[in-house]
Every structure is written in C-alpha cells, then in structure tokens.
Amino acid sequence: MDLRITIIQTALHWQDASANRKMFSEKLAATAPTTDLIVLPEMFTTGFSMDAAGLAENADGPTLQWMKEEAARYSAVLTGSVMVKEGEQFYNRLYWVRPDGTYEHYDKRHLFRMAKEHHSYTPGKEKLLVELKGWSVCPLVCYDLRFPVWSRNVGGQYDLLLYVANWPKPRANAWSTLLQARAIENLSYVVGVNRVGTDGNGHPYTGGSAIIHPKGYKLLETSEAEGIHTLTLSKQELTDFREAFPAHLDADVFTLN
C-alpha cells in the first residue's frame, strides 16, 4: 500500500511552546492535508534549546495532548520531537502519535556535544520501529543521521527511515549528502525534515528538507522557504527494487552494545 507523507518546514518561535503549537495548528488548518503521516521538525515547540530545566514539559504535558488532538483532526499520525522531563532526567523525545490517541516515543541517542546537548539531556537507549499502513518506519532525530551503525536497516527491519532536525546552514551539505547515503546503504526511503529561520542563539537554518528514493535520488527537496509538502511513496516500487538489487542479503551481521 502506498504511504502519503506531509512534511512541514518552517521557522520556529524561540522557546515559546504555546506560540509554536498555535502556528502549526494554523498551518495545518490552512492546507488541511489528506495524508497518513505529518512530520514536524526537531524540538518543534522551542527550537534547539539547551534550557531543558526551564522549558521541558512532563511526558504527558500540553504538547503531547495537542499532538493527540491534531492527529485525530487530520486522521493521520503526527510526529516530531520536544524536550521532556521524566523523573530527574531530560530527553529530546520524538513522539509518534496516532489518530486514536495512542503513541510511542523515541529518545534521541546521539546528543550534539558541540552544543553541549549531552550536558542537558539524557541519551536514549532503544530504537523505535512503528507500523503504519503496512510500512515499517524507523524515526530518528537530527545528529543520529551522522551515525550509520545506529541507522542501519538490520535484517530489513524498516521501509522508511525518518529524521526530524534542527540542522544549521554551515553543515547543510552534510545534511543533504548523508540523507542520500542513508537511503542508498539501507535500501529504504528516507525523509528528513529541517527548519528554517534563525534561532535565539543566532544560528541560521536553511531547510533543505527532503524525501529520498531508495536508489538515492531526491523525490523532493525544499528550498529555504517555509512550506508544507505532501508526497506519496510507493511500497511496490520499494519491493521491486529490493528484489532486483538485494544488496541487503550481503550485509554484515553485527550487534550493538
């Protein structure tokens, strides 16, 4: 079955969760997409902030409730990451929220030490695999993109690899290149959703959100402009390619500690 994906590339209100939730609601209402999956950027309620102690929500906080409402409104899964407090720990947590209100989460494993993210947040330990319309999806977060072992499609576990990000302009070429590499090496569709604008630390973001075919070419690549884009992915095309070019059968067997 085909999968219809909607990505939202936008600037974010710095450290203002209420304003960002309102902004995303307005953007969705203006386009009212007919889709299966809506993807928001990393830390979509705050921007890439290290003020976890001041801004993190409880795990069942207002943003998760908002995601449940929006997922139900559009009859689509809604995903993106937010800062969350659980016990005494803080996480850069991706939520995968279904229209029926059920949800899963993934805590970002690779924390961006150049911004001292590892001083503010606790790394996740487990990958998340979720099912949607017969597709297996592996959602990851930003800096995870640089680590191919963590992203590896071991045993053909997933059909779609997904990255939500706040990936800045100086490293835009790495973003584009690595998205294509992850698609090629994993024989998988890859979706990368980035933000635009300038954050409260003065870091510029130039978007470049993209949807990559398993052969590595770009089905969609955005400019620096804000926008909502919807694209349909073909499961049959993926299956045919894997059967014609079964490189995954020669992959190295390994385990992670």
C-alpha atoms as a PDB file:
ATOM      1  CA  MET A   1       0.000   0.000   0.000  1.00  0.00           C
ATOM      2  CA  ASP A   2       1.249   3.494  -0.772  1.00  0.00           C
ATOM      3  CA  LEU A   3       2.077   5.935   2.025  1.00  0.00           C
ATOM      4  CA  ARG A   4       1.221   9.615   1.876  1.00  0.00           C
ATOM      5  CA  ILE A   5       3.612  11.861   3.832  1.00  0.00           C
ATOM      6  CA  THR A   6       3.299  15.541   4.696  1.00  0.00           C
ATOM      7  CA  ILE A   7       6.344  17.494   5.887  1.00  0.00           C
ATOM      8  CA  ILE A   8       6.254  20.940   7.455  1.00  0.00           C
ATOM      9  CA  GLN A   9       9.315  23.154   7.080  1.00  0.00           C
ATOM     10  CA  THR A  10       9.058  26.404   8.995  1.00  0.00           C
ATOM     11  CA  ALA A  11      10.772  28.925  11.252  1.00  0.00           C
ATOM     12  CA  LEU A  12      10.118  28.440  14.968  1.00  0.00           C
ATOM     13  CA  HIS A  13       9.252  30.849  17.764  1.00  0.00           C
ATOM     14  CA  TRP A  14      12.237  30.734  20.101  1.00  0.00           C
ATOM     15  CA  GLN A  15      11.440  28.938  23.353  1.00  0.00           C
ATOM     16  CA  ASP A  16       7.703  29.624  23.079  1.00  0.00           C
ATOM     17  CA  ALA A  17       5.780  26.351  23.043  1.00  0.00           C
ATOM     18  CA  SER A  18       2.318  27.921  23.025  1.00  0.00           C
ATOM     19  CA  ALA A  19       3.148  30.143  20.040  1.00  0.00           C
ATOM     20  CA  ASN A  20       4.609  27.211  18.114  1.00  0.00           C
ATOM     21  CA  ARG A  21       1.637  24.938  18.741  1.00  0.00           C
ATOM     22  CA  LYS A  22      -0.669  27.724  17.572  1.00  0.00           C
ATOM     23  CA  MET A  23       1.475  28.319  14.485  1.00  0.00           C
ATOM     24  CA  PHE A  24       1.465  24.647  13.479  1.00  0.00           C
ATOM     25  CA  SER A  25      -2.283  24.409  14.036  1.00  0.00           C
ATOM     26  CA  GLU A  26      -2.816  27.386  11.733  1.00  0.00           C
ATOM     27  CA  LYS A  27      -0.543  25.975   9.044  1.00  0.00           C
ATOM     28  CA  LEU A  28      -2.313  22.630   9.115  1.00  0.00           C
ATOM     29  CA  ALA A  29      -5.744  24.248   9.074  1.00  0.00           C
ATOM     30  CA  ALA A  30      -4.771  26.377   6.065  1.00  0.00           C
ATOM     31  CA  THR A  31      -3.759  23.343   3.998  1.00  0.00           C
ATOM     32  CA  ALA A  32      -5.912  20.608   5.605  1.00  0.00           C
ATOM     33  CA  PRO A  33      -3.742  17.851   4.133  1.00  0.00           C
ATOM     34  CA  THR A  34      -5.153  14.454   3.242  1.00  0.00           C
ATOM     35  CA  THR A  35      -2.279  12.332   4.422  1.00  0.00           C
ATOM     36  CA  ASP A  36      -1.135   9.366   6.504  1.00  0.00           C
ATOM     37  CA  LEU A  37       1.813  10.962   8.295  1.00  0.00           C
ATOM     38  CA  ILE A  38       2.613  14.559   9.279  1.00  0.00           C
ATOM     39  CA  VAL A  39       6.238  15.286  10.186  1.00  0.00           C
ATOM     40  CA  LEU A  40       7.380  18.296  12.246  1.00  0.00           C
ATOM     41  CA  PRO A  41      11.000  19.333  12.958  1.00  0.00           C
ATOM     42  CA  GLU A  42      13.152  18.546  15.985  1.00  0.00           C
ATOM     43  CA  MET A  43      12.207  20.464  19.160  1.00  0.00           C
ATOM     44  CA  PHE A  44       9.320  21.982  17.249  1.00  0.00           C
ATOM     45  CA  THR A  45       7.919  23.769  20.304  1.00  0.00           C
ATOM     46  CA  THR A  46      11.111  25.606  21.310  1.00  0.00           C
ATOM     47  CA  GLY A  47      13.860  25.474  18.724  1.00  0.00           C
ATOM     48  CA  PHE A  48      17.128  23.701  19.576  1.00  0.00           C
ATOM     49  CA  SER A  49      17.450  24.962  23.146  1.00  0.00           C
ATOM     50  CA  MET A  50      19.579  23.660  25.998  1.00  0.00           C
ATOM     51  CA  ASP A  51      17.289  25.212  28.640  1.00  0.00           C
ATOM     52  CA  ALA A  52      15.760  21.868  29.478  1.00  0.00           C
ATOM     53  CA  ALA A  53      15.338  22.697  33.164  1.00  0.00           C
ATOM     54  CA  GLY A  54      13.331  25.792  32.336  1.00  0.00           C
ATOM     55  CA  LEU A  55      11.307  24.596  29.370  1.00  0.00           C
ATOM     56  CA  ALA A  56      10.855  20.810  29.410  1.00  0.00           C
ATOM     57  CA  GLU A  57       7.301  19.504  29.758  1.00  0.00           C
ATOM     58  CA  ASN A  58       6.202  16.456  31.659  1.00  0.00           C
ATOM     59  CA  ALA A  59       5.863  13.375  29.491  1.00  0.00           C
ATOM     60  CA  ASP A  60       2.066  13.811  29.333  1.00  0.00           C
ATOM     61  CA  GLY A  61       2.241  17.599  29.032  1.00  0.00           C
ATOM     62  CA  PRO A  62       0.366  20.056  26.806  1.00  0.00           C
ATOM     63  CA  THR A  63       2.330  19.325  23.653  1.00  0.00           C
ATOM     64  CA  LEU A  64       1.528  15.624  23.726  1.00  0.00           C
ATOM     65  CA  GLN A  65      -2.136  16.476  24.294  1.00  0.00           C
ATOM     66  CA  TRP A  66      -2.007  18.912  21.363  1.00  0.00           C
ATOM     67  CA  MET A  67      -0.433  16.240  19.155  1.00  0.00           C
ATOM     68  CA  LYS A  68      -3.252  13.836  20.017  1.00  0.00           C
ATOM     69  CA  GLU A  69      -5.837  16.455  19.053  1.00  0.00           C
ATOM     70  CA  GLU A  70      -4.162  17.305  15.754  1.00  0.00           C
ATOM     71  CA  ALA A  71      -3.594  13.653  14.847  1.00  0.00           C
ATOM     72  CA  ALA A  72      -7.290  12.967  15.416  1.00  0.00           C
ATOM     73  CA  ARG A  73      -8.330  16.076  13.472  1.00  0.00           C
ATOM     74  CA  TYR A  74      -6.443  15.011  10.326  1.00  0.00           C
ATOM     75  CA  SER A  75      -6.775  11.231  10.794  1.00  0.00           C
ATOM     76  CA  ALA A  76      -3.001  10.981  10.442  1.00  0.00           C
ATOM     77  CA  VAL A  77      -0.001  10.070  12.548  1.00  0.00           C
ATOM     78  CA  LEU A  78       1.800  13.169  13.844  1.00  0.00           C
ATOM     79  CA  THR A  79       5.483  13.069  14.762  1.00  0.00           C
ATOM     80  CA  GLY A  80       8.229  15.448  15.868  1.00  0.00           C
ATOM     81  CA  SER A  81      10.482  15.921  18.906  1.00  0.00           C
ATOM     82  CA  VAL A  82      10.110  18.032  22.054  1.00  0.00           C
ATOM     83  CA  MET A  83      12.021  18.452  25.300  1.00  0.00           C
ATOM     84  CA  VAL A  84      10.566  16.266  28.052  1.00  0.00           C
ATOM     85  CA  LYS A  85      11.228  15.807  31.759  1.00  0.00           C
ATOM     86  CA  GLU A  86      10.837  12.349  33.256  1.00  0.00           C
ATOM     87  CA  GLY A  87      11.858  11.956  36.871  1.00  0.00           C
ATOM     88  CA  GLU A  88      15.090  13.901  37.239  1.00  0.00           C
ATOM     89  CA  GLN A  89      16.128  13.365  33.611  1.00  0.00           C
ATOM     90  CA  PHE A  90      15.522  15.420  30.478  1.00  0.00           C
ATOM     91  CA  TYR A  91      15.111  13.942  26.999  1.00  0.00           C
ATOM     92  CA  ASN A  92      14.972  15.179  23.424  1.00  0.00           C
ATOM     93  CA  ARG A  93      11.943  12.985  22.781  1.00  0.00           C
ATOM     94  CA  LEU A  94      10.256  12.174  19.489  1.00  0.00           C
ATOM     95  CA  TYR A  95       6.581  11.316  19.804  1.00  0.00           C
ATOM     96  CA  TRP A  96       4.753   9.156  17.282  1.00  0.00           C
ATOM     97  CA  VAL A  97       1.080   9.952  17.893  1.00  0.00           C
ATOM     98  CA  ARG A  98      -1.745   8.070  16.184  1.00  0.00           C
ATOM     99  CA  PRO A  99      -5.241   9.385  15.389  1.00  0.00           C
ATOM    100  CA  ASP A 100      -6.745   7.164  18.093  1.00  0.00           C
ATOM    101  CA  GLY A 101      -4.607   8.841  20.761  1.00  0.00           C
ATOM    102  CA  THR A 102      -2.153   6.005  21.275  1.00  0.00           C
ATOM    103  CA  TYR A 103       1.515   6.863  20.917  1.00  0.00           C
ATOM    104  CA  GLU A 104       5.110   5.680  21.050  1.00  0.00           C
ATOM    105  CA  HIS A 105       8.290   7.611  21.730  1.00  0.00           C
ATOM    106  CA  TYR A 106      11.975   7.588  20.864  1.00  0.00           C
ATOM    107  CA  ASP A 107      14.615   9.431  22.890  1.00  0.00           C
ATOM    108  CA  LYS A 108      17.448  10.863  20.806  1.00  0.00           C
ATOM    109  CA  ARG A 109      20.503   8.650  21.261  1.00  0.00           C
ATOM    110  CA  HIS A 110      23.264  10.833  19.800  1.00  0.00           C
ATOM    111  CA  LEU A 111      23.362  14.150  21.619  1.00  0.00           C
ATOM    112  CA  PHE A 112      25.110  17.017  19.835  1.00  0.00           C
ATOM    113  CA  ARG A 113      28.139  17.626  22.024  1.00  0.00           C
ATOM    114  CA  MET A 114      29.257  20.684  20.045  1.00  0.00           C
ATOM    115  CA  ALA A 115      26.203  22.451  21.513  1.00  0.00           C
ATOM    116  CA  LYS A 116      26.671  20.630  24.850  1.00  0.00           C
ATOM    117  CA  GLU A 117      23.376  18.813  24.368  1.00  0.00           C
ATOM    118  CA  HIS A 118      24.845  15.914  26.336  1.00  0.00           C
ATOM    119  CA  HIS A 119      25.109  18.179  29.379  1.00  0.00           C
ATOM    120  CA  SER A 120      21.388  18.968  29.340  1.00  0.00           C
ATOM    121  CA  TYR A 121      19.761  15.755  28.133  1.00  0.00           C
ATOM    122  CA  THR A 122      19.990  12.012  28.739  1.00  0.00           C
ATOM    123  CA  PRO A 123      20.616   9.828  25.667  1.00  0.00           C
ATOM    124  CA  GLY A 124      18.079   7.230  24.615  1.00  0.00           C
ATOM    125  CA  LYS A 125      18.984   3.567  24.550  1.00  0.00           C
ATOM    126  CA  GLU A 126      16.460   1.934  22.229  1.00  0.00           C
ATOM    127  CA  LYS A 127      15.474   2.413  18.592  1.00  0.00           C
ATOM    128  CA  LEU A 128      11.806   2.649  17.753  1.00  0.00           C
ATOM    129  CA  LEU A 129      10.125   0.740  14.960  1.00  0.00           C
ATOM    130  CA  VAL A 130       6.493   1.568  14.237  1.00  0.00           C
ATOM    131  CA  GLU A 131       3.976   0.280  11.727  1.00  0.00           C
ATOM    132  CA  LEU A 132       1.810   2.443   9.503  1.00  0.00           C
ATOM    133  CA  LYS A 133      -0.383   1.102   6.690  1.00  0.00           C
ATOM    134  CA  GLY A 134       1.832  -1.949   6.252  1.00  0.00           C
ATOM    135  CA  TRP A 135       5.048   0.110   6.321  1.00  0.00           C
ATOM    136  CA  SER A 136       7.709  -0.277   8.987  1.00  0.00           C
ATOM    137  CA  VAL A 137       9.110   3.121   9.992  1.00  0.00           C
ATOM    138  CA  CYS A 138      12.241   3.983  11.987  1.00  0.00           C
ATOM    139  CA  PRO A 139      12.110   7.574  13.307  1.00  0.00           C
ATOM    140  CA  LEU A 140      15.362   9.195  14.482  1.00  0.00           C
ATOM    141  CA  VAL A 141      16.497  12.696  15.466  1.00  0.00           C
ATOM    142  CA  CYS A 142      18.957  15.096  13.794  1.00  0.00           C
ATOM    143  CA  TYR A 143      22.539  14.201  14.898  1.00  0.00           C
ATOM    144  CA  ASP A 144      21.604  10.494  14.694  1.00  0.00           C
ATOM    145  CA  LEU A 145      21.971  10.978  10.934  1.00  0.00           C
ATOM    146  CA  ARG A 146      25.767  11.033  11.262  1.00  0.00           C
ATOM    147  CA  PHE A 147      25.915   7.536  12.749  1.00  0.00           C
ATOM    148  CA  PRO A 148      25.253   4.856  10.122  1.00  0.00           C
ATOM    149  CA  VAL A 149      25.542   1.934  12.531  1.00  0.00           C
ATOM    150  CA  TRP A 150      22.628   3.230  14.641  1.00  0.00           C
ATOM    151  CA  SER A 151      20.624   3.914  11.484  1.00  0.00           C
ATOM    152  CA  ARG A 152      21.426   0.568   9.884  1.00  0.00           C
ATOM    153  CA  ASN A 153      18.490  -1.383   8.465  1.00  0.00           C
ATOM    154  CA  VAL A 154      19.462  -4.658  10.110  1.00  0.00           C
ATOM    155  CA  GLY A 155      17.576  -7.545   8.553  1.00  0.00           C
ATOM    156  CA  GLY A 156      15.378  -5.211   6.540  1.00  0.00           C
ATOM    157  CA  GLN A 157      13.553  -4.055   9.663  1.00  0.00           C
ATOM    158  CA  TYR A 158      12.135  -0.891   8.148  1.00  0.00           C
ATOM    159  CA  ASP A 159      10.892   0.551   4.855  1.00  0.00           C
ATOM    160  CA  LEU A 160      11.133   4.214   5.793  1.00  0.00           C
ATOM    161  CA  LEU A 161      13.884   5.958   7.767  1.00  0.00           C
ATOM    162  CA  LEU A 162      12.829   9.312   9.186  1.00  0.00           C
ATOM    163  CA  TYR A 163      14.907  12.176  10.624  1.00  0.00           C
ATOM    164  CA  VAL A 164      13.494  15.275  12.307  1.00  0.00           C
ATOM    165  CA  ALA A 165      16.089  18.008  12.682  1.00  0.00           C
ATOM    166  CA  ASN A 166      17.342  21.473  13.517  1.00  0.00           C
ATOM    167  CA  TRP A 167      20.310  21.218  11.129  1.00  0.00           C
ATOM    168  CA  PRO A 168      22.096  24.577  10.680  1.00  0.00           C
ATOM    169  CA  LYS A 169      23.222  26.275   7.491  1.00  0.00           C
ATOM    170  CA  PRO A 170      27.026  25.767   7.886  1.00  0.00           C
ATOM    171  CA  ARG A 171      26.548  21.987   7.645  1.00  0.00           C
ATOM    172  CA  ALA A 172      23.787  21.907   5.028  1.00  0.00           C
ATOM    173  CA  ASN A 173      25.929  19.927   2.587  1.00  0.00           C
ATOM    174  CA  ALA A 174      26.447  17.169   5.151  1.00  0.00           C
ATOM    175  CA  TRP A 175      22.698  17.018   5.754  1.00  0.00           C
ATOM    176  CA  SER A 176      21.920  16.564   2.067  1.00  0.00           C
ATOM    177  CA  THR A 177      24.717  14.077   1.456  1.00  0.00           C
ATOM    178  CA  LEU A 178      24.024  11.908   4.485  1.00  0.00           C
ATOM    179  CA  LEU A 179      20.302  11.648   3.775  1.00  0.00           C
ATOM    180  CA  GLN A 180      21.134  10.219   0.363  1.00  0.00           C
ATOM    181  CA  ALA A 181      23.771   7.899   1.829  1.00  0.00           C
ATOM    182  CA  ARG A 182      21.347   6.500   4.411  1.00  0.00           C
ATOM    183  CA  ALA A 183      18.817   5.730   1.658  1.00  0.00           C
ATOM    184  CA  ILE A 184      21.363   4.003  -0.582  1.00  0.00           C
ATOM    185  CA  GLU A 185      23.022   1.866   2.077  1.00  0.00           C
ATOM    186  CA  ASN A 186      19.740   0.810   3.696  1.00  0.00           C
ATOM    187  CA  LEU A 187      17.637   0.252   0.549  1.00  0.00           C
ATOM    188  CA  SER A 188      14.994   2.407   2.145  1.00  0.00           C
ATOM    189  CA  TYR A 189      13.055   5.580   1.597  1.00  0.00           C
ATOM    190  CA  VAL A 190      14.455   8.397   3.748  1.00  0.00           C
ATOM    191  CA  VAL A 191      12.625  11.518   4.911  1.00  0.00           C
ATOM    192  CA  GLY A 192      14.477  14.431   6.519  1.00  0.00           C
ATOM    193  CA  VAL A 193      12.554  17.402   7.931  1.00  0.00           C
ATOM    194  CA  ASN A 194      14.515  20.511   8.887  1.00  0.00           C
ATOM    195  CA  ARG A 195      13.578  24.024   9.981  1.00  0.00           C
ATOM    196  CA  VAL A 196      14.357  27.468   8.530  1.00  0.00           C
ATOM    197  CA  GLY A 197      14.988  30.907  10.021  1.00  0.00           C
ATOM    198  CA  THR A 198      17.361  31.971  12.795  1.00  0.00           C
ATOM    199  CA  ASP A 199      17.164  30.708  16.376  1.00  0.00           C
ATOM    200  CA  GLY A 200      17.651  32.609  19.607  1.00  0.00           C
ATOM    201  CA  ASN A 201      21.375  31.823  19.580  1.00  0.00           C
ATOM    202  CA  GLY A 202      21.783  33.414  16.156  1.00  0.00           C
ATOM    203  CA  HIS A 203      22.199  30.127  14.282  1.00  0.00           C
ATOM    204  CA  PRO A 204      20.712  30.189  10.737  1.00  0.00           C
ATOM    205  CA  TYR A 205      18.821  27.261   9.234  1.00  0.00           C
ATOM    206  CA  THR A 206      18.239  26.820   5.519  1.00  0.00           C
ATOM    207  CA  GLY A 207      15.781  23.944   5.394  1.00  0.00           C
ATOM    208  CA  GLY A 208      16.639  21.505   2.653  1.00  0.00           C
ATOM    209  CA  SER A 209      14.005  19.066   3.890  1.00  0.00           C
ATOM    210  CA  ALA A 210      13.976  16.108   1.535  1.00  0.00           C
ATOM    211  CA  ILE A 211      12.406  12.798   0.626  1.00  0.00           C
ATOM    212  CA  ILE A 212      14.898  10.340  -0.859  1.00  0.00           C
ATOM    213  CA  HIS A 213      14.221   7.283  -3.024  1.00  0.00           C
ATOM    214  CA  PRO A 214      15.946   4.005  -2.034  1.00  0.00           C
ATOM    215  CA  LYS A 215      18.188   4.406  -5.088  1.00  0.00           C
ATOM    216  CA  GLY A 216      19.444   7.669  -3.589  1.00  0.00           C
ATOM    217  CA  TYR A 217      17.842  10.295  -5.792  1.00  0.00           C
ATOM    218  CA  LYS A 218      15.686  13.079  -4.393  1.00  0.00           C
ATOM    219  CA  LEU A 219      11.946  12.777  -4.850  1.00  0.00           C
ATOM    220  CA  LEU A 220      11.551  16.115  -3.089  1.00  0.00           C
ATOM    221  CA  GLU A 221      13.955  18.771  -1.854  1.00  0.00           C
ATOM    222  CA  THR A 222      12.805  22.079  -0.431  1.00  0.00           C
ATOM    223  CA  SER A 223      14.409  25.491  -0.724  1.00  0.00           C
ATOM    224  CA  GLU A 224      14.938  27.852   2.212  1.00  0.00           C
ATOM    225  CA  ALA A 225      11.271  28.867   2.145  1.00  0.00           C
ATOM    226  CA  GLU A 226       8.640  27.820   4.624  1.00  0.00           C
ATOM    227  CA  GLY A 227       6.178  25.330   3.228  1.00  0.00           C
ATOM    228  CA  ILE A 228       4.042  22.241   3.592  1.00  0.00           C
ATOM    229  CA  HIS A 229       4.713  19.458   1.105  1.00  0.00           C
ATOM    230  CA  THR A 230       2.889  16.157   0.590  1.00  0.00           C
ATOM    231  CA  LEU A 231       4.232  13.223  -1.408  1.00  0.00           C
ATOM    232  CA  THR A 232       3.085   9.632  -1.939  1.00  0.00           C
ATOM    233  CA  LEU A 233       5.617   6.810  -1.588  1.00  0.00           C
ATOM    234  CA  SER A 234       5.175   3.504  -3.422  1.00  0.00           C
ATOM    235  CA  LYS A 235       5.638   0.316  -1.414  1.00  0.00           C
ATOM    236  CA  GLN A 236       5.589  -1.759  -4.611  1.00  0.00           C
ATOM    237  CA  GLU A 237       8.421   0.279  -6.072  1.00  0.00           C
ATOM    238  CA  LEU A 238      10.466  -0.352  -2.924  1.00  0.00           C
ATOM    239  CA  THR A 239       9.734  -4.085  -3.029  1.00  0.00           C
ATOM    240  CA  ASP A 240      10.627  -4.339  -6.724  1.00  0.00           C
ATOM    241  CA  PHE A 241      13.931  -2.541  -6.187  1.00  0.00           C
ATOM    242  CA  ARG A 242      14.930  -4.722  -3.252  1.00  0.00           C
ATOM    243  CA  GLU A 243      14.164  -7.848  -5.275  1.00  0.00           C
ATOM    244  CA  ALA A 244      16.133  -6.602  -8.284  1.00  0.00           C
ATOM    245  CA  PHE A 245      19.086  -5.358  -6.206  1.00  0.00           C
ATOM    246  CA  PRO A 246      19.205  -7.393  -2.977  1.00  0.00           C
ATOM    247  CA  ALA A 247      22.371  -5.889  -1.514  1.00  0.00           C
ATOM    248  CA  HIS A 248      20.913  -6.298   1.968  1.00  0.00           C
ATOM    249  CA  LEU A 249      21.495 -10.060   1.687  1.00  0.00           C
ATOM    250  CA  ASP A 250      25.250  -9.401   1.747  1.00  0.00           C
ATOM    251  CA  ALA A 251      25.206  -7.017   4.701  1.00  0.00           C
ATOM    252  CA  ASP A 252      27.489  -7.648   7.670  1.00  0.00           C
ATOM    253  CA  VAL A 253      25.929  -9.185  10.759  1.00  0.00           C
ATOM    254  CA  PHE A 254      26.568  -7.258  13.977  1.00  0.00           C
ATOM    255  CA  THR A 255      25.089  -6.285  17.313  1.00  0.00           C
ATOM    256  CA  LEU A 256      25.269  -3.036  19.287  1.00  0.00           C
ATOM    257  CA  ASN A 257      26.384  -2.913  22.901  1.00  0.00           C
END
